[in-house]
Amino acid sequence: MKTLYIIRHAKSSWKYHHLDDIDRPLNKRGKRDAPEMGDRLKSQGIVPHLMISSPAKRAFATCKIIAEALDYPKKDIELNNKLYHASEDTLMDIIQDIDDSWDSVMIFGHNPGLTYFANSLASTDLDNLPTCGVFACTFDVDSWSETDFEKGSLQFYDYPKNVPQIN
């Protein structure tokens, strides 16, 4: 069994118009939402074996904040340039190349690719993976190379503005 957590970067700032897109930092809301989502993941007992991030400043910052909440060593985060605005096919290539010793993997990246990818994996119909949204999907496989579109099962989907239902 393999578990993939697809996480979109937290809300980024457009304040500094001179910055290249890859260099945009998190804004105030992003800095608030990322630790909240990290705490939610920790409360579920989630412990990733591997965290892979886009090199974009906002994605890597989100990854580091969530890594801290989950007690994941920041030095072990892998940066993958291909995650920066990756297409569904590129994302699949990245996933299928993961070492099979890792059963639980988090990837941090960007829309629209992440939304399309999540929908393709588990045949879901998300309109949009919100900033700092988490889409968790399981695969009944022994090897990441066996993962493919429509072979995943949605485990859960959460995002900062999601308010838990109280019964």
N, C-alpha and C. Protein backbone atom coordinates (compact mmCIF):
# COMPACT_ATOMS: atom_id res chain seq x y z
N MET A 1 0.85 -1.19 0.00
CA MET A 1 0.00 0.00 0.00
C MET A 1 0.89 1.24 0.00
N LYS A 2 0.60 2.17 -0.90
CA LYS A 2 1.31 3.44 -0.99
C LYS A 2 0.32 4.57 -0.76
N THR A 3 0.74 5.60 -0.03
CA THR A 3 -0.11 6.76 0.24
C THR A 3 0.58 8.01 -0.27
N LEU A 4 -0.17 8.77 -1.05
CA LEU A 4 0.33 10.02 -1.62
C LEU A 4 -0.50 11.18 -1.08
N TYR A 5 0.19 12.17 -0.55
CA TYR A 5 -0.45 13.41 -0.09
C TYR A 5 -0.07 14.51 -1.07
N ILE A 6 -1.05 15.04 -1.76
CA ILE A 6 -0.84 16.11 -2.73
C ILE A 6 -1.20 17.42 -2.03
N ILE A 7 -0.23 18.31 -1.89
CA ILE A 7 -0.45 19.54 -1.13
C ILE A 7 -0.09 20.75 -2.00
N ARG A 8 -1.08 21.60 -2.16
CA ARG A 8 -0.83 22.85 -2.89
C ARG A 8 -0.19 23.84 -1.93
N HIS A 9 0.72 24.64 -2.44
CA HIS A 9 1.37 25.65 -1.60
C HIS A 9 0.32 26.54 -0.93
N ALA A 10 0.67 27.09 0.23
CA ALA A 10 -0.20 28.03 0.93
C ALA A 10 -0.27 29.34 0.14
N LYS A 11 -1.17 30.20 0.56
CA LYS A 11 -1.43 31.47 -0.14
C LYS A 11 -0.16 32.30 -0.25
N SER A 12 0.10 32.77 -1.46
CA SER A 12 1.32 33.54 -1.70
C SER A 12 1.03 35.01 -1.89
N SER A 13 2.09 35.77 -1.78
CA SER A 13 1.99 37.23 -1.88
C SER A 13 2.23 37.70 -3.30
N TRP A 14 1.44 38.67 -3.70
CA TRP A 14 1.63 39.36 -4.98
C TRP A 14 2.13 40.79 -4.73
N LYS A 15 2.54 41.04 -3.49
CA LYS A 15 2.92 42.38 -3.07
C LYS A 15 4.15 42.91 -3.81
N TYR A 16 5.07 42.02 -4.12
CA TYR A 16 6.34 42.44 -4.71
C TYR A 16 6.32 42.12 -6.21
N HIS A 17 5.84 43.04 -6.99
CA HIS A 17 5.64 42.83 -8.43
C HIS A 17 6.94 42.60 -9.20
N HIS A 18 8.04 43.02 -8.63
CA HIS A 18 9.33 42.85 -9.30
C HIS A 18 9.87 41.42 -9.21
N LEU A 19 9.30 40.61 -8.33
CA LEU A 19 9.79 39.24 -8.15
C LEU A 19 9.32 38.33 -9.29
N ASP A 20 10.17 37.41 -9.67
CA ASP A 20 9.76 36.36 -10.59
C ASP A 20 8.76 35.47 -9.87
N ASP A 21 7.91 34.81 -10.62
CA ASP A 21 6.88 33.95 -10.03
C ASP A 21 7.47 32.93 -9.05
N ILE A 22 8.58 32.34 -9.40
CA ILE A 22 9.18 31.29 -8.57
C ILE A 22 9.64 31.83 -7.21
N ASP A 23 9.85 33.15 -7.13
CA ASP A 23 10.36 33.77 -5.91
C ASP A 23 9.29 34.37 -5.00
N ARG A 24 8.02 34.24 -5.38
CA ARG A 24 6.97 34.84 -4.54
C ARG A 24 6.88 34.12 -3.19
N PRO A 25 6.88 34.87 -2.08
CA PRO A 25 6.80 34.28 -0.74
C PRO A 25 5.36 34.05 -0.30
N LEU A 26 5.21 33.42 0.84
CA LEU A 26 3.87 33.28 1.43
C LEU A 26 3.41 34.63 1.95
N ASN A 27 2.09 34.84 1.91
CA ASN A 27 1.55 36.04 2.52
C ASN A 27 1.11 35.71 3.96
N LYS A 28 0.49 36.67 4.61
CA LYS A 28 0.09 36.50 6.01
C LYS A 28 -0.84 35.30 6.18
N ARG A 29 -1.82 35.18 5.29
CA ARG A 29 -2.76 34.05 5.38
C ARG A 29 -2.04 32.72 5.15
N GLY A 30 -1.12 32.70 4.20
CA GLY A 30 -0.36 31.48 3.95
C GLY A 30 0.46 31.06 5.16
N LYS A 31 1.07 32.03 5.84
CA LYS A 31 1.86 31.74 7.04
C LYS A 31 0.98 31.27 8.20
N ARG A 32 -0.29 31.61 8.15
CA ARG A 32 -1.23 31.14 9.16
C ARG A 32 -1.79 29.76 8.80
N ASP A 33 -2.12 29.56 7.53
CA ASP A 33 -2.76 28.31 7.10
C ASP A 33 -1.83 27.10 7.11
N ALA A 34 -0.57 27.29 6.73
CA ALA A 34 0.35 26.15 6.64
C ALA A 34 0.54 25.45 8.00
N PRO A 35 0.78 26.19 9.10
CA PRO A 35 0.90 25.50 10.39
C PRO A 35 -0.41 24.83 10.81
N GLU A 36 -1.53 25.46 10.49
CA GLU A 36 -2.84 24.87 10.81
C GLU A 36 -3.00 23.53 10.10
N MET A 37 -2.67 23.48 8.83
CA MET A 37 -2.81 22.22 8.09
C MET A 37 -1.80 21.19 8.59
N GLY A 38 -0.61 21.63 8.95
CA GLY A 38 0.37 20.72 9.55
C GLY A 38 -0.16 20.11 10.84
N ASP A 39 -0.78 20.94 11.66
CA ASP A 39 -1.36 20.45 12.92
C ASP A 39 -2.50 19.46 12.66
N ARG A 40 -3.31 19.74 11.65
CA ARG A 40 -4.40 18.82 11.31
C ARG A 40 -3.84 17.46 10.87
N LEU A 41 -2.80 17.49 10.06
CA LEU A 41 -2.19 16.23 9.61
C LEU A 41 -1.59 15.48 10.79
N LYS A 42 -0.91 16.22 11.66
CA LYS A 42 -0.32 15.58 12.84
C LYS A 42 -1.39 14.96 13.73
N SER A 43 -2.52 15.63 13.88
CA SER A 43 -3.59 15.11 14.74
C SER A 43 -4.17 13.81 14.19
N GLN A 44 -3.97 13.55 12.90
CA GLN A 44 -4.41 12.30 12.29
C GLN A 44 -3.33 11.22 12.36
N GLY A 45 -2.20 11.57 12.96
CA GLY A 45 -1.11 10.60 13.08
C GLY A 45 -0.34 10.38 11.79
N ILE A 46 -0.40 11.33 10.89
CA ILE A 46 0.27 11.18 9.60
C ILE A 46 1.76 11.47 9.75
N VAL A 47 2.56 10.51 9.29
CA VAL A 47 4.01 10.63 9.32
C VAL A 47 4.53 10.28 7.92
N PRO A 48 4.91 11.28 7.15
CA PRO A 48 5.41 10.98 5.80
C PRO A 48 6.81 10.37 5.86
N HIS A 49 7.06 9.45 4.96
CA HIS A 49 8.40 8.88 4.84
C HIS A 49 9.28 9.78 3.98
N LEU A 50 8.64 10.52 3.06
CA LEU A 50 9.37 11.39 2.14
C LEU A 50 8.52 12.62 1.83
N MET A 51 9.17 13.78 1.79
CA MET A 51 8.53 15.02 1.37
C MET A 51 9.31 15.57 0.19
N ILE A 52 8.58 15.88 -0.89
CA ILE A 52 9.19 16.41 -2.11
C ILE A 52 8.50 17.73 -2.44
N SER A 53 9.28 18.77 -2.69
CA SER A 53 8.71 20.08 -2.95
C SER A 53 9.19 20.67 -4.26
N SER A 54 8.30 21.46 -4.85
CA SER A 54 8.69 22.36 -5.93
C SER A 54 9.73 23.32 -5.35
N PRO A 55 10.65 23.81 -6.18
CA PRO A 55 11.62 24.78 -5.68
C PRO A 55 11.06 26.18 -5.49
N ALA A 56 9.83 26.43 -5.92
CA ALA A 56 9.24 27.76 -5.75
C ALA A 56 9.22 28.11 -4.26
N LYS A 57 9.56 29.35 -3.98
CA LYS A 57 9.69 29.80 -2.59
C LYS A 57 8.42 29.50 -1.77
N ARG A 58 7.25 29.74 -2.34
CA ARG A 58 5.99 29.54 -1.62
C ARG A 58 5.72 28.06 -1.35
N ALA A 59 6.08 27.18 -2.28
CA ALA A 59 5.87 25.75 -2.09
C ALA A 59 6.86 25.20 -1.06
N PHE A 60 8.12 25.58 -1.19
CA PHE A 60 9.14 25.09 -0.27
C PHE A 60 8.88 25.60 1.15
N ALA A 61 8.42 26.85 1.28
CA ALA A 61 8.08 27.40 2.61
C ALA A 61 6.92 26.61 3.23
N THR A 62 5.91 26.31 2.43
CA THR A 62 4.77 25.51 2.91
C THR A 62 5.26 24.15 3.37
N CYS A 63 6.10 23.54 2.57
CA CYS A 63 6.64 22.22 2.90
C CYS A 63 7.42 22.25 4.21
N LYS A 64 8.28 23.26 4.39
CA LYS A 64 9.07 23.35 5.62
C LYS A 64 8.20 23.55 6.85
N ILE A 65 7.16 24.35 6.73
CA ILE A 65 6.26 24.60 7.86
C ILE A 65 5.53 23.31 8.24
N ILE A 66 5.03 22.58 7.26
CA ILE A 66 4.34 21.33 7.53
C ILE A 66 5.31 20.28 8.04
N ALA A 67 6.53 20.26 7.51
CA ALA A 67 7.56 19.33 8.00
C ALA A 67 7.80 19.55 9.49
N GLU A 68 7.88 20.81 9.88
CA GLU A 68 8.10 21.13 11.29
C GLU A 68 6.96 20.61 12.16
N ALA A 69 5.74 20.80 11.71
CA ALA A 69 4.57 20.32 12.48
C ALA A 69 4.58 18.80 12.60
N LEU A 70 5.10 18.11 11.60
CA LEU A 70 5.08 16.65 11.58
C LEU A 70 6.40 16.04 12.09
N ASP A 71 7.29 16.88 12.60
CA ASP A 71 8.59 16.43 13.09
C ASP A 71 9.40 15.73 12.01
N TYR A 72 9.25 16.18 10.78
CA TYR A 72 10.02 15.65 9.65
C TYR A 72 11.26 16.52 9.50
N PRO A 73 12.44 15.92 9.41
CA PRO A 73 13.67 16.73 9.30
C PRO A 73 13.71 17.56 8.01
N LYS A 74 13.80 18.86 8.16
CA LYS A 74 13.81 19.75 6.99
C LYS A 74 14.96 19.43 6.05
N LYS A 75 16.07 18.94 6.58
CA LYS A 75 17.22 18.62 5.75
C LYS A 75 16.93 17.45 4.81
N ASP A 76 15.89 16.67 5.11
CA ASP A 76 15.54 15.51 4.29
C ASP A 76 14.52 15.82 3.20
N ILE A 77 14.04 17.06 3.16
CA ILE A 77 13.09 17.45 2.10
C ILE A 77 13.83 17.44 0.77
N GLU A 78 13.23 16.80 -0.22
CA GLU A 78 13.81 16.79 -1.56
C GLU A 78 13.16 17.88 -2.41
N LEU A 79 13.97 18.64 -3.10
CA LEU A 79 13.47 19.61 -4.07
C LEU A 79 13.50 18.96 -5.44
N ASN A 80 12.41 19.16 -6.18
CA ASN A 80 12.34 18.60 -7.53
C ASN A 80 11.87 19.71 -8.46
N ASN A 81 12.77 20.16 -9.33
CA ASN A 81 12.45 21.25 -10.26
C ASN A 81 11.27 20.93 -11.15
N LYS A 82 11.03 19.66 -11.43
CA LYS A 82 9.92 19.27 -12.31
C LYS A 82 8.56 19.54 -11.67
N LEU A 83 8.51 19.72 -10.36
CA LEU A 83 7.23 19.99 -9.69
C LEU A 83 6.73 21.42 -9.92
N TYR A 84 7.61 22.30 -10.36
CA TYR A 84 7.21 23.69 -10.58
C TYR A 84 6.27 23.76 -11.78
N HIS A 85 4.99 24.02 -11.51
CA HIS A 85 3.93 24.10 -12.52
C HIS A 85 3.87 22.86 -13.40
N ALA A 86 3.95 21.69 -12.77
CA ALA A 86 3.97 20.41 -13.48
C ALA A 86 2.60 20.05 -14.04
N SER A 87 2.63 19.36 -15.16
CA SER A 87 1.42 18.81 -15.77
C SER A 87 1.08 17.48 -15.09
N GLU A 88 -0.09 16.95 -15.39
CA GLU A 88 -0.50 15.63 -14.86
C GLU A 88 0.52 14.55 -15.22
N ASP A 89 0.94 14.54 -16.46
CA ASP A 89 1.87 13.50 -16.91
C ASP A 89 3.23 13.63 -16.22
N THR A 90 3.69 14.85 -16.04
CA THR A 90 4.96 15.06 -15.34
C THR A 90 4.83 14.62 -13.89
N LEU A 91 3.72 14.96 -13.26
CA LEU A 91 3.49 14.54 -11.88
C LEU A 91 3.48 13.01 -11.77
N MET A 92 2.84 12.35 -12.72
CA MET A 92 2.82 10.89 -12.70
C MET A 92 4.23 10.33 -12.85
N ASP A 93 5.02 10.91 -13.74
CA ASP A 93 6.40 10.46 -13.91
C ASP A 93 7.18 10.59 -12.59
N ILE A 94 6.99 11.70 -11.90
CA ILE A 94 7.67 11.93 -10.62
C ILE A 94 7.26 10.85 -9.62
N ILE A 95 5.96 10.59 -9.52
CA ILE A 95 5.44 9.61 -8.56
C ILE A 95 5.95 8.21 -8.90
N GLN A 96 5.90 7.84 -10.16
CA GLN A 96 6.31 6.50 -10.55
C GLN A 96 7.80 6.26 -10.36
N ASP A 97 8.59 7.33 -10.22
CA ASP A 97 10.03 7.20 -9.99
C ASP A 97 10.43 7.19 -8.52
N ILE A 98 9.47 7.29 -7.60
CA ILE A 98 9.80 7.29 -6.17
C ILE A 98 10.33 5.93 -5.76
N ASP A 99 11.33 5.94 -4.93
CA ASP A 99 11.91 4.70 -4.41
C ASP A 99 10.85 3.94 -3.62
N ASP A 100 10.75 2.66 -3.85
CA ASP A 100 9.70 1.84 -3.23
C ASP A 100 9.87 1.66 -1.72
N SER A 101 11.01 2.06 -1.17
CA SER A 101 11.18 1.96 0.28
C SER A 101 10.32 2.99 1.01
N TRP A 102 9.84 4.01 0.29
CA TRP A 102 8.98 5.04 0.88
C TRP A 102 7.51 4.68 0.63
N ASP A 103 6.75 4.47 1.69
CA ASP A 103 5.33 4.11 1.54
C ASP A 103 4.39 5.30 1.63
N SER A 104 4.84 6.38 2.27
CA SER A 104 4.00 7.55 2.50
C SER A 104 4.76 8.79 2.03
N VAL A 105 4.24 9.43 0.98
CA VAL A 105 4.96 10.54 0.34
C VAL A 105 4.06 11.76 0.22
N MET A 106 4.64 12.93 0.51
CA MET A 106 3.95 14.20 0.31
C MET A 106 4.66 14.96 -0.80
N ILE A 107 3.85 15.49 -1.73
CA ILE A 107 4.40 16.37 -2.75
C ILE A 107 3.76 17.75 -2.60
N PHE A 108 4.56 18.78 -2.81
CA PHE A 108 4.12 20.16 -2.67
C PHE A 108 4.33 20.87 -4.00
N GLY A 109 3.24 21.42 -4.54
CA GLY A 109 3.34 22.05 -5.84
C GLY A 109 2.26 23.08 -6.09
N HIS A 110 1.79 23.10 -7.35
CA HIS A 110 1.01 24.22 -7.86
C HIS A 110 -0.21 23.76 -8.67
N ASN A 111 -1.18 24.65 -8.75
CA ASN A 111 -2.31 24.47 -9.65
C ASN A 111 -1.96 25.10 -10.99
N PRO A 112 -2.63 24.70 -12.05
CA PRO A 112 -3.77 23.79 -12.09
C PRO A 112 -3.38 22.31 -12.10
N GLY A 113 -2.11 22.03 -12.27
CA GLY A 113 -1.66 20.64 -12.40
C GLY A 113 -2.07 19.75 -11.25
N LEU A 114 -1.95 20.25 -10.01
CA LEU A 114 -2.29 19.40 -8.86
C LEU A 114 -3.77 19.03 -8.83
N THR A 115 -4.64 19.97 -9.17
CA THR A 115 -6.08 19.65 -9.18
C THR A 115 -6.37 18.61 -10.25
N TYR A 116 -5.85 18.81 -11.45
CA TYR A 116 -6.07 17.84 -12.52
C TYR A 116 -5.52 16.47 -12.14
N PHE A 117 -4.34 16.47 -11.54
CA PHE A 117 -3.69 15.22 -11.14
C PHE A 117 -4.52 14.49 -10.08
N ALA A 118 -4.96 15.20 -9.05
CA ALA A 118 -5.77 14.58 -8.01
C ALA A 118 -7.04 13.97 -8.60
N ASN A 119 -7.72 14.71 -9.45
CA ASN A 119 -8.94 14.20 -10.08
C ASN A 119 -8.66 12.96 -10.92
N SER A 120 -7.55 12.95 -11.60
CA SER A 120 -7.20 11.81 -12.46
C SER A 120 -6.81 10.57 -11.68
N LEU A 121 -6.25 10.75 -10.50
CA LEU A 121 -5.80 9.61 -9.71
C LEU A 121 -6.96 8.82 -9.13
N ALA A 122 -7.92 9.54 -8.58
CA ALA A 122 -8.98 8.88 -7.83
C ALA A 122 -10.36 9.08 -8.44
N SER A 123 -10.40 9.52 -9.68
CA SER A 123 -11.68 9.76 -10.37
C SER A 123 -12.61 10.63 -9.53
N THR A 124 -12.06 11.70 -8.97
CA THR A 124 -12.85 12.65 -8.21
C THR A 124 -13.19 13.83 -9.10
N ASP A 125 -13.94 14.77 -8.58
CA ASP A 125 -14.37 15.91 -9.36
C ASP A 125 -14.17 17.21 -8.58
N LEU A 126 -12.93 17.46 -8.15
CA LEU A 126 -12.62 18.71 -7.47
C LEU A 126 -12.63 19.84 -8.48
N ASP A 127 -13.26 20.94 -8.13
CA ASP A 127 -13.20 22.12 -8.98
C ASP A 127 -11.82 22.76 -8.88
N ASN A 128 -11.26 22.72 -7.66
CA ASN A 128 -10.01 23.42 -7.40
C ASN A 128 -9.42 22.91 -6.09
N LEU A 129 -8.16 22.55 -6.10
CA LEU A 129 -7.45 22.25 -4.86
C LEU A 129 -7.02 23.60 -4.30
N PRO A 130 -7.64 24.04 -3.20
CA PRO A 130 -7.34 25.38 -2.68
C PRO A 130 -5.91 25.49 -2.17
N THR A 131 -5.47 26.72 -1.98
CA THR A 131 -4.14 26.92 -1.41
C THR A 131 -4.07 26.21 -0.07
N CYS A 132 -2.99 25.49 0.14
CA CYS A 132 -2.70 24.69 1.32
C CYS A 132 -3.68 23.51 1.48
N GLY A 133 -4.40 23.19 0.42
CA GLY A 133 -5.28 22.02 0.44
C GLY A 133 -4.47 20.73 0.39
N VAL A 134 -5.02 19.69 1.02
CA VAL A 134 -4.38 18.38 1.07
C VAL A 134 -5.33 17.35 0.48
N PHE A 135 -4.86 16.62 -0.49
CA PHE A 135 -5.60 15.54 -1.13
C PHE A 135 -4.81 14.27 -0.87
N ALA A 136 -5.36 13.37 -0.07
CA ALA A 136 -4.67 12.12 0.29
C ALA A 136 -5.28 10.97 -0.48
N CYS A 137 -4.42 10.19 -1.11
CA CYS A 137 -4.85 9.12 -2.00
C CYS A 137 -4.01 7.87 -1.71
N THR A 138 -4.66 6.72 -1.66
CA THR A 138 -3.94 5.47 -1.46
C THR A 138 -3.97 4.63 -2.73
N PHE A 139 -2.95 3.81 -2.87
CA PHE A 139 -2.83 2.89 -4.00
C PHE A 139 -2.55 1.50 -3.45
N ASP A 140 -3.31 0.54 -3.89
CA ASP A 140 -3.11 -0.85 -3.47
C ASP A 140 -2.05 -1.49 -4.37
N VAL A 141 -0.80 -1.03 -4.18
CA VAL A 141 0.34 -1.50 -4.98
C VAL A 141 1.55 -1.65 -4.06
N ASP A 142 2.53 -2.39 -4.52
CA ASP A 142 3.78 -2.54 -3.78
C ASP A 142 4.86 -1.59 -4.28
N SER A 143 4.69 -1.11 -5.51
CA SER A 143 5.70 -0.27 -6.13
C SER A 143 5.06 1.00 -6.67
N TRP A 144 5.75 2.13 -6.48
CA TRP A 144 5.26 3.39 -7.02
C TRP A 144 5.13 3.32 -8.54
N SER A 145 5.95 2.49 -9.18
CA SER A 145 5.88 2.38 -10.64
C SER A 145 4.55 1.78 -11.10
N GLU A 146 3.83 1.14 -10.18
CA GLU A 146 2.53 0.55 -10.51
C GLU A 146 1.38 1.53 -10.36
N THR A 147 1.65 2.71 -9.80
CA THR A 147 0.59 3.70 -9.67
C THR A 147 0.22 4.20 -11.05
N ASP A 148 -1.02 4.60 -11.21
CA ASP A 148 -1.46 5.11 -12.51
C ASP A 148 -2.75 5.89 -12.32
N PHE A 149 -3.15 6.58 -13.36
CA PHE A 149 -4.41 7.32 -13.32
C PHE A 149 -5.56 6.36 -13.07
N GLU A 150 -6.51 6.80 -12.26
CA GLU A 150 -7.73 6.07 -11.90
C GLU A 150 -7.46 4.81 -11.06
N LYS A 151 -6.26 4.65 -10.52
CA LYS A 151 -5.95 3.51 -9.66
C LYS A 151 -5.92 3.87 -8.18
N GLY A 152 -6.11 5.15 -7.88
CA GLY A 152 -6.05 5.60 -6.50
C GLY A 152 -7.41 5.63 -5.84
N SER A 153 -7.39 5.62 -4.51
CA SER A 153 -8.61 5.75 -3.71
C SER A 153 -8.45 6.96 -2.80
N LEU A 154 -9.43 7.85 -2.86
CA LEU A 154 -9.39 9.03 -2.01
C LEU A 154 -9.44 8.60 -0.55
N GLN A 155 -8.44 9.03 0.23
CA GLN A 155 -8.43 8.77 1.66
C GLN A 155 -9.12 9.92 2.39
N PHE A 156 -8.71 11.15 2.08
CA PHE A 156 -9.38 12.34 2.60
C PHE A 156 -8.96 13.55 1.78
N TYR A 157 -9.72 14.61 1.97
CA TYR A 157 -9.46 15.88 1.31
C TYR A 157 -9.75 16.96 2.34
N ASP A 158 -8.78 17.84 2.57
CA ASP A 158 -8.96 18.89 3.58
C ASP A 158 -8.29 20.17 3.08
N TYR A 159 -8.74 21.29 3.59
CA TYR A 159 -8.19 22.59 3.21
C TYR A 159 -8.49 23.58 4.32
N PRO A 160 -7.75 24.69 4.40
CA PRO A 160 -7.86 25.60 5.54
C PRO A 160 -9.27 26.08 5.87
N LYS A 161 -10.08 26.40 4.88
CA LYS A 161 -11.42 26.92 5.16
C LYS A 161 -12.45 25.82 5.41
N ASN A 162 -12.03 24.57 5.38
CA ASN A 162 -12.93 23.45 5.66
C ASN A 162 -13.26 23.44 7.15
N VAL A 163 -14.52 23.61 7.47
CA VAL A 163 -14.94 23.62 8.86
C VAL A 163 -15.51 22.25 9.21
N PRO A 164 -14.89 21.57 10.19
CA PRO A 164 -15.40 20.25 10.56
C PRO A 164 -16.86 20.30 10.98
N GLN A 165 -17.61 19.29 10.55
CA GLN A 165 -19.01 19.18 10.92
C GLN A 165 -19.13 18.62 12.34
N ILE A 166 -19.92 19.27 13.16
CA ILE A 166 -20.15 18.79 14.53
C ILE A 166 -21.56 18.25 14.60
N ASN A 167 -21.66 16.99 14.99
CA ASN A 167 -22.99 16.34 15.08
C ASN A 167 -23.44 16.27 16.51
